[in-house]
């Protein structure tokens, strides 16, 4: 079931992405030769106007075949439709068509987050709440309880305000073995509780033995939901973008990446985890994947939308087209590198499962 749901999610994300290209191409007067659901071989097709709408055998997303999509195809253009070829459109029109897929994925995430906002969505706050207490931990013996809100930490005559989980985690790791005062809010009352952050805590437990979060479940009206959904979309979009920047920085500096990278097999595993928590969890996971796909595609790397956008940007600024042979070679190399990376990541995902 998880695999089926994963394939459905993947298909929806790719279809939305390609639908963005399709709509933008039509709006800018570019001929769309085919809009396909799935990938060939073709099972069924119908031609409406100038476009073939097809259903294909491999049910993984879809594709859009735009007339005159590559510069090296220019010689194939006939005189009748030469003005409707993608390569002969103005740079701003090309840029619009290229980024439309990314925008489609962002809009999909916004719609999902808008709906989830009406059902109940976790919103980041400045309150660090204790979600769980591990048995026989410093927090357990000190008398900390679930739903306590950590406000400050008093240590060595200094007071540290706690507004994020990372602040609390970082501080307690630095003061392992030391006594401190943790100031909490419980039922609108402020309490000071002495506690010692233990050294060498058990695996998957921190120095205090607590599970913390700075999110809160809230429901919004249908009038508030679009704004909240938009905020959530850009909040996650920013986090994902920073994550990619951090990833490439680590790779450039030859450091082990601080974030995990997953391919189709890894994502399928995460899908199975989301399935356990119900429909809303699956929808949220879909929104996050959609934003990841948007950010990944806009990276200025050959064969991705971002790489094609870079060529158009060069044309826009210089008023000159990129050398056709150069573009063809670069895109080919880019595709080879992407396939190689996908294979490496997939092998890594398999080893993780076996481990």
Protein backbone atom coordinates (compact mmCIF):
# COMPACT_ATOMS: atom_id res chain seq x y z
CA UNK A 1 0.00 0.00 0.00
CA UNK A 2 2.83 2.41 0.86
CA UNK A 3 4.46 1.77 -2.51
CA UNK A 4 1.17 2.44 -4.31
CA UNK A 5 0.68 5.69 -2.38
CA UNK A 6 4.28 6.70 -3.11
CA UNK A 7 3.75 6.15 -6.85
CA UNK A 8 0.51 8.16 -6.73
CA UNK A 9 2.26 11.03 -4.92
CA UNK A 10 5.16 10.96 -7.39
CA UNK A 11 2.76 11.00 -10.33
CA UNK A 12 0.76 13.91 -8.93
CA UNK A 13 3.91 15.98 -8.28
CA UNK A 14 5.28 15.43 -11.78
CA UNK A 15 1.89 16.00 -13.41
CA UNK A 16 1.43 19.30 -11.57
CA UNK A 17 4.95 20.32 -12.57
CA UNK A 18 4.35 19.49 -16.23
CA UNK A 19 0.90 21.10 -16.14
CA UNK A 20 2.62 24.34 -15.14
CA UNK A 21 4.83 24.15 -18.24
CA UNK A 22 1.80 23.24 -20.36
CA UNK A 23 -0.36 26.18 -19.25
CA UNK A 24 2.50 28.69 -19.55
CA UNK A 25 3.39 27.43 -23.03
CA UNK A 26 -0.23 27.75 -24.20
CA UNK A 27 -0.57 31.24 -22.70
CA UNK A 28 2.59 32.39 -24.47
CA UNK A 29 1.57 31.07 -27.86
CA UNK A 30 3.94 28.09 -28.00
CA UNK A 31 2.68 24.99 -29.76
CA UNK A 32 2.35 22.02 -27.41
CA UNK A 33 2.66 18.86 -29.44
CA UNK A 34 1.78 16.40 -26.67
CA UNK A 35 0.71 16.33 -23.04
CA UNK A 36 1.17 12.83 -21.69
CA UNK A 37 0.07 11.11 -18.49
CA UNK A 38 2.72 8.54 -17.65
CA UNK A 39 5.61 7.70 -19.96
CA UNK A 40 5.64 5.82 -23.30
CA UNK A 41 4.86 3.41 -24.79
CA UNK A 42 1.51 4.99 -25.51
CA UNK A 43 -1.71 3.16 -24.58
CA UNK A 44 -4.36 5.68 -25.64
CA UNK A 45 -4.36 9.12 -27.22
CA UNK A 46 -6.72 11.73 -28.51
CA UNK A 47 -5.89 14.84 -30.48
CA UNK A 48 -7.69 18.01 -29.56
CA UNK A 49 -6.72 20.98 -31.67
CA UNK A 50 -2.97 20.84 -32.22
CA UNK A 51 -2.15 18.88 -29.05
CA UNK A 52 -2.14 15.12 -28.51
CA UNK A 53 -3.35 14.08 -25.06
CA UNK A 54 -2.02 10.63 -24.26
CA UNK A 55 -2.14 7.96 -21.56
CA UNK A 56 1.04 5.93 -21.41
CA UNK A 57 2.10 2.58 -20.01
CA UNK A 58 4.55 3.68 -17.29
CA UNK A 59 2.37 5.41 -14.65
CA UNK A 60 5.00 7.75 -13.20
CA UNK A 61 3.99 11.37 -13.68
CA UNK A 62 3.84 12.80 -17.16
CA UNK A 63 5.50 15.00 -19.76
CA UNK A 64 4.97 17.94 -22.09
CA UNK A 65 6.43 17.97 -25.61
CA UNK A 66 6.85 21.59 -26.66
CA UNK A 67 7.45 22.44 -30.30
CA UNK A 68 11.02 23.62 -30.99
CA UNK A 69 12.07 23.07 -27.38
CA UNK A 70 15.84 22.91 -27.99
CA UNK A 71 17.97 25.37 -29.95
CA UNK A 72 19.51 22.56 -31.99
CA UNK A 73 16.01 21.67 -33.23
CA UNK A 74 15.65 25.02 -34.99
CA UNK A 75 16.38 23.59 -38.45
CA UNK A 76 13.42 21.24 -38.07
CA UNK A 77 10.93 24.09 -37.70
CA UNK A 78 8.61 24.62 -40.61
CA UNK A 79 7.82 28.10 -41.87
CA UNK A 80 4.18 27.83 -40.88
CA UNK A 81 4.83 27.39 -37.16
CA UNK A 82 8.26 28.98 -36.81
CA UNK A 83 6.89 31.83 -34.70
CA UNK A 84 5.23 29.35 -32.35
CA UNK A 85 8.43 27.45 -31.60
CA UNK A 86 9.77 27.75 -28.06
CA UNK A 87 13.24 28.72 -29.29
CA UNK A 88 11.86 31.74 -31.18
CA UNK A 89 9.97 33.25 -28.27
CA UNK A 90 11.26 36.24 -26.31
CA UNK A 91 13.56 35.48 -23.36
CA UNK A 92 10.95 36.55 -20.79
CA UNK A 93 8.42 34.18 -22.37
CA UNK A 94 10.90 31.29 -22.29
CA UNK A 95 11.74 32.08 -18.67
CA UNK A 96 8.03 32.09 -17.77
CA UNK A 97 7.49 28.68 -19.37
CA UNK A 98 10.58 27.19 -17.69
CA UNK A 99 9.78 28.37 -14.15
CA UNK A 100 6.05 27.59 -14.47
CA UNK A 101 6.65 23.99 -13.40
CA UNK A 102 8.36 25.13 -10.21
CA UNK A 103 5.54 27.59 -9.53
CA UNK A 104 3.03 24.76 -10.05
CA UNK A 105 4.69 22.68 -7.32
CA UNK A 106 4.73 25.66 -4.95
CA UNK A 107 1.03 26.35 -5.59
CA UNK A 108 0.20 22.69 -4.93
CA UNK A 109 1.98 22.89 -1.57
CA UNK A 110 0.06 26.09 -0.76
CA UNK A 111 -3.29 24.44 -1.52
CA UNK A 112 -2.41 21.47 0.67
CA UNK A 113 -1.24 23.61 3.58
CA UNK A 114 -4.36 25.76 3.21
CA UNK A 115 -6.58 22.70 3.54
CA UNK A 116 -4.56 21.30 6.45
CA UNK A 117 -4.87 24.64 8.23
CA UNK A 118 -8.63 24.08 8.45
CA UNK A 119 -8.11 20.56 9.82
CA UNK A 120 -5.39 21.40 12.32
CA UNK A 121 -1.77 22.14 11.56
CA UNK A 122 1.34 22.37 13.68
CA UNK A 123 2.58 25.96 13.80
CA UNK A 124 6.02 26.96 15.05
CA UNK A 125 5.93 29.10 18.23
CA UNK A 126 8.46 30.66 20.58
CA UNK A 127 7.47 28.19 23.30
CA UNK A 128 9.58 25.07 23.84
CA UNK A 129 7.13 22.48 25.17
CA UNK A 130 8.00 19.15 26.81
CA UNK A 131 6.21 16.45 24.83
CA UNK A 132 7.49 13.41 26.70
CA UNK A 133 9.63 12.39 29.70
CA UNK A 134 11.91 9.36 29.58
CA UNK A 135 11.77 7.12 32.64
CA UNK A 136 14.67 7.22 35.12
CA UNK A 137 16.03 10.36 33.49
CA UNK A 138 17.07 13.63 35.22
CA UNK A 139 13.79 15.21 34.09
CA UNK A 140 11.81 12.25 35.50
CA UNK A 141 13.42 12.50 38.95
CA UNK A 142 13.31 16.33 38.96
CA UNK A 143 9.52 16.29 38.52
CA UNK A 144 9.19 17.79 35.05
CA UNK A 145 5.89 16.96 33.34
CA UNK A 146 4.45 16.75 29.85
CA UNK A 147 3.20 20.09 28.52
CA UNK A 148 5.61 22.06 30.72
CA UNK A 149 6.98 25.04 28.78
CA UNK A 150 10.69 25.73 29.21
CA UNK A 151 11.20 29.48 29.56
CA UNK A 152 14.77 30.00 30.80
CA UNK A 153 17.83 28.19 32.14
CA UNK A 154 19.76 29.64 35.08
CA UNK A 155 23.40 28.57 35.21
CA UNK A 156 26.46 30.10 36.92
CA UNK A 157 24.60 33.33 37.72
CA UNK A 158 23.55 33.71 34.10
CA UNK A 159 20.05 33.41 32.59
CA UNK A 160 19.54 31.95 29.13
CA UNK A 161 16.24 32.50 27.36
CA UNK A 162 14.96 29.40 25.56
CA UNK A 163 12.90 30.03 22.42
CA UNK A 164 13.82 27.08 20.19
CA UNK A 165 14.51 23.38 20.79
CA UNK A 166 18.02 23.78 19.37
CA UNK A 167 18.87 26.40 22.01
CA UNK A 168 17.92 24.03 24.80
CA UNK A 169 19.66 21.03 23.21
CA UNK A 170 22.86 22.98 22.55
CA UNK A 171 22.99 24.44 26.06
CA UNK A 172 22.37 21.16 27.91
CA UNK A 173 25.07 19.40 25.89
CA UNK A 174 27.60 22.06 26.89
CA UNK A 175 26.85 21.78 30.62
CA UNK A 176 26.69 18.00 31.05
CA UNK A 177 27.26 17.06 34.68
CA UNK A 178 26.48 20.55 36.00
CA UNK A 179 23.60 21.65 38.15
CA UNK A 180 21.25 24.26 36.74
CA UNK A 181 17.84 25.75 37.36
CA UNK A 182 15.24 25.18 34.66
CA UNK A 183 12.41 27.72 34.76
CA UNK A 184 9.14 26.35 33.39
CA UNK A 185 5.58 27.53 32.90
CA UNK A 186 2.93 25.09 34.15
CA UNK A 187 -0.77 25.96 34.14
CA UNK A 188 0.02 29.69 33.98
CA UNK A 189 2.39 29.44 36.98
CA UNK A 190 6.18 29.84 36.90
CA UNK A 191 8.28 27.18 38.62
CA UNK A 192 12.02 26.84 39.19
CA UNK A 193 13.28 23.26 39.17
CA UNK A 194 16.91 22.27 39.92
CA UNK A 195 18.28 19.60 37.59
CA UNK A 196 21.62 18.11 36.54
CA UNK A 197 22.27 17.41 32.87
CA UNK A 198 23.69 13.88 32.85
CA UNK A 199 26.86 12.82 31.07
CA UNK A 200 26.82 10.06 28.46
CA UNK A 201 23.02 9.64 28.25
CA UNK A 202 21.54 6.43 26.79
CA UNK A 203 21.23 6.17 23.02
CA UNK A 204 18.45 8.35 21.57
CA UNK A 205 18.11 10.24 24.86
CA UNK A 206 19.52 13.66 25.66
CA UNK A 207 21.23 14.95 28.84
CA UNK A 208 17.84 15.77 30.42
CA UNK A 209 15.78 12.86 29.05
CA UNK A 210 12.99 14.92 27.51
CA UNK A 211 11.31 15.13 24.11
CA UNK A 212 10.67 18.75 23.18
CA UNK A 213 8.91 20.68 20.46
CA UNK A 214 8.19 24.29 19.58
CA UNK A 215 5.08 23.53 17.54
CA UNK A 216 1.43 23.77 18.49
CA UNK A 217 -1.64 22.26 16.82
CA UNK A 218 -4.05 24.97 15.64
CA UNK A 219 -7.15 25.09 13.45
CA UNK A 220 -8.07 28.07 11.28
CA UNK A 221 -11.20 29.25 9.50
CA UNK A 222 -11.55 29.02 5.73
CA UNK A 223 -10.85 32.78 5.60
CA UNK A 224 -7.63 32.54 7.62
CA UNK A 225 -6.42 29.29 6.08
CA UNK A 226 -5.06 30.69 2.75
CA UNK A 227 -2.84 33.16 4.61
CA UNK A 228 -1.64 30.53 7.08
CA UNK A 229 -1.09 28.08 4.20
CA UNK A 230 0.98 30.68 2.36
CA UNK A 231 3.08 31.36 5.46
CA UNK A 232 3.68 27.64 5.97
CA UNK A 233 4.61 27.24 2.31
CA UNK A 234 7.28 29.94 2.42
CA UNK A 235 8.49 28.83 5.86
CA UNK A 236 9.19 25.31 4.56
CA UNK A 237 10.44 26.65 1.22
CA UNK A 238 13.03 28.75 3.06
CA UNK A 239 14.09 25.80 5.23
CA UNK A 240 14.45 23.50 2.19
CA UNK A 241 16.41 26.13 0.26
CA UNK A 242 18.79 26.64 3.19
CA UNK A 243 19.11 22.86 3.46
CA UNK A 244 20.19 22.58 -0.19
CA UNK A 245 22.66 25.45 0.24
CA UNK A 246 24.10 23.71 3.30
CA UNK A 247 24.32 20.42 1.39
CA UNK A 248 26.25 21.92 -1.52
CA UNK A 249 28.49 23.86 0.87
CA UNK A 250 29.37 20.65 2.73
CA UNK A 251 30.06 18.83 -0.54
CA UNK A 252 32.24 21.70 -1.80
CA UNK A 253 34.20 21.72 1.47
CA UNK A 254 34.52 17.90 1.29
CA UNK A 255 32.60 17.52 4.56
CA UNK A 256 30.03 14.92 5.43
CA UNK A 257 26.61 16.46 4.65
CA UNK A 258 24.72 17.58 7.75
CA UNK A 259 21.39 16.61 6.19
CA UNK A 260 20.22 13.25 4.90
CA UNK A 261 19.74 12.76 1.16
CA UNK A 262 17.22 10.21 -0.09
CA UNK A 263 16.36 8.81 -3.50
CA UNK A 264 13.15 7.08 -4.63
CA UNK A 265 13.68 4.12 -2.27
CA UNK A 266 14.38 6.39 0.70
CA UNK A 267 11.35 8.54 -0.09
CA UNK A 268 9.21 5.42 -0.35
CA UNK A 269 10.33 4.52 3.18
CA UNK A 270 9.35 7.97 4.46
CA UNK A 271 6.01 7.51 2.71
CA UNK A 272 5.37 4.34 4.71
CA UNK A 273 6.00 6.33 7.91
CA UNK A 274 3.56 9.04 6.84
CA UNK A 275 0.92 6.41 6.03
CA UNK A 276 0.95 5.27 9.67
CA UNK A 277 -0.31 8.69 10.78
CA UNK A 278 -3.22 9.01 8.36
CA UNK A 279 -4.41 11.05 5.40
CA UNK A 280 -3.39 14.47 6.73
CA UNK A 281 0.14 13.26 7.33
CA UNK A 282 0.32 11.92 3.77
CA UNK A 283 -0.92 15.26 2.43
CA UNK A 284 1.64 17.20 4.46
CA UNK A 285 4.38 14.86 3.24
CA UNK A 286 3.18 15.44 -0.35
CA UNK A 287 3.40 19.21 0.15
CA UNK A 288 6.95 18.92 1.48
CA UNK A 289 7.98 16.71 -1.45
CA UNK A 290 6.41 19.20 -3.85
CA UNK A 291 8.50 22.03 -2.37
CA UNK A 292 11.63 19.86 -2.49
CA UNK A 293 10.94 19.17 -6.16
CA UNK A 294 10.48 22.89 -6.79
CA UNK A 295 13.79 23.83 -5.15
CA UNK A 296 15.66 20.94 -6.79
CA UNK A 297 14.42 21.90 -10.25
CA UNK A 298 15.35 25.57 -9.95
CA UNK A 299 18.99 24.77 -9.09
CA UNK A 300 21.11 26.17 -11.97
CA UNK A 301 22.40 22.77 -13.05
CA UNK A 302 22.32 21.49 -16.65
CA UNK A 303 19.30 19.37 -17.60
CA UNK A 304 17.24 20.87 -14.76
CA UNK A 305 14.81 23.77 -15.20
CA UNK A 306 17.30 25.99 -13.40
CA UNK A 307 20.02 25.12 -15.90
CA UNK A 308 17.75 25.94 -18.84
CA UNK A 309 16.74 29.16 -17.09
CA UNK A 310 20.44 30.09 -16.80
CA UNK A 311 20.86 29.76 -20.58
CA UNK A 312 17.79 31.93 -21.17
CA UNK A 313 19.06 34.49 -18.64
CA UNK A 314 22.36 34.65 -20.53
CA UNK A 315 20.44 35.23 -23.77
CA UNK A 316 18.28 37.86 -22.09
CA UNK A 317 21.27 39.85 -20.80
CA UNK A 318 23.74 39.39 -23.67
CA UNK A 319 21.15 39.48 -26.46
CA UNK A 320 22.94 36.42 -27.87
CA UNK A 321 21.89 32.80 -27.94
CA UNK A 322 24.03 30.18 -26.26
CA UNK A 323 26.08 28.14 -28.72
CA UNK A 324 23.80 25.29 -29.80
CA UNK A 325 26.46 22.57 -29.67
CA UNK A 326 27.67 23.79 -26.26
CA UNK A 327 24.15 23.70 -24.81
CA UNK A 328 23.53 20.22 -26.20
CA UNK A 329 26.79 18.86 -24.75
CA UNK A 330 26.33 20.53 -21.35
CA UNK A 331 22.75 19.27 -20.99
CA UNK A 332 23.86 15.77 -21.97
CA UNK A 333 26.66 15.80 -19.37
CA UNK A 334 24.26 17.20 -16.79
CA UNK A 335 21.81 14.40 -17.39
CA UNK A 336 24.58 11.80 -17.07
CA UNK A 337 25.71 13.30 -13.76
CA UNK A 338 22.14 13.37 -12.43
CA UNK A 339 21.57 9.72 -13.38
CA UNK A 340 24.88 8.77 -11.74
CA UNK A 341 23.96 10.62 -8.55
CA UNK A 342 20.54 8.96 -8.53
CA UNK A 343 22.16 5.53 -8.80
CA UNK A 344 24.62 6.32 -5.97
CA UNK A 345 21.86 7.64 -3.70
CA UNK A 346 19.67 4.62 -4.48
CA UNK A 347 22.50 2.22 -3.59
CA UNK A 348 23.04 4.18 -0.37
CA UNK A 349 19.32 3.86 0.46
CA UNK A 350 19.48 0.11 -0.09
CA UNK A 351 22.48 -0.22 2.23
CA UNK A 352 20.64 1.78 4.89
CA UNK A 353 17.69 -0.60 4.69
CA UNK A 354 19.96 -3.65 4.91
CA UNK A 355 21.82 -2.10 7.85
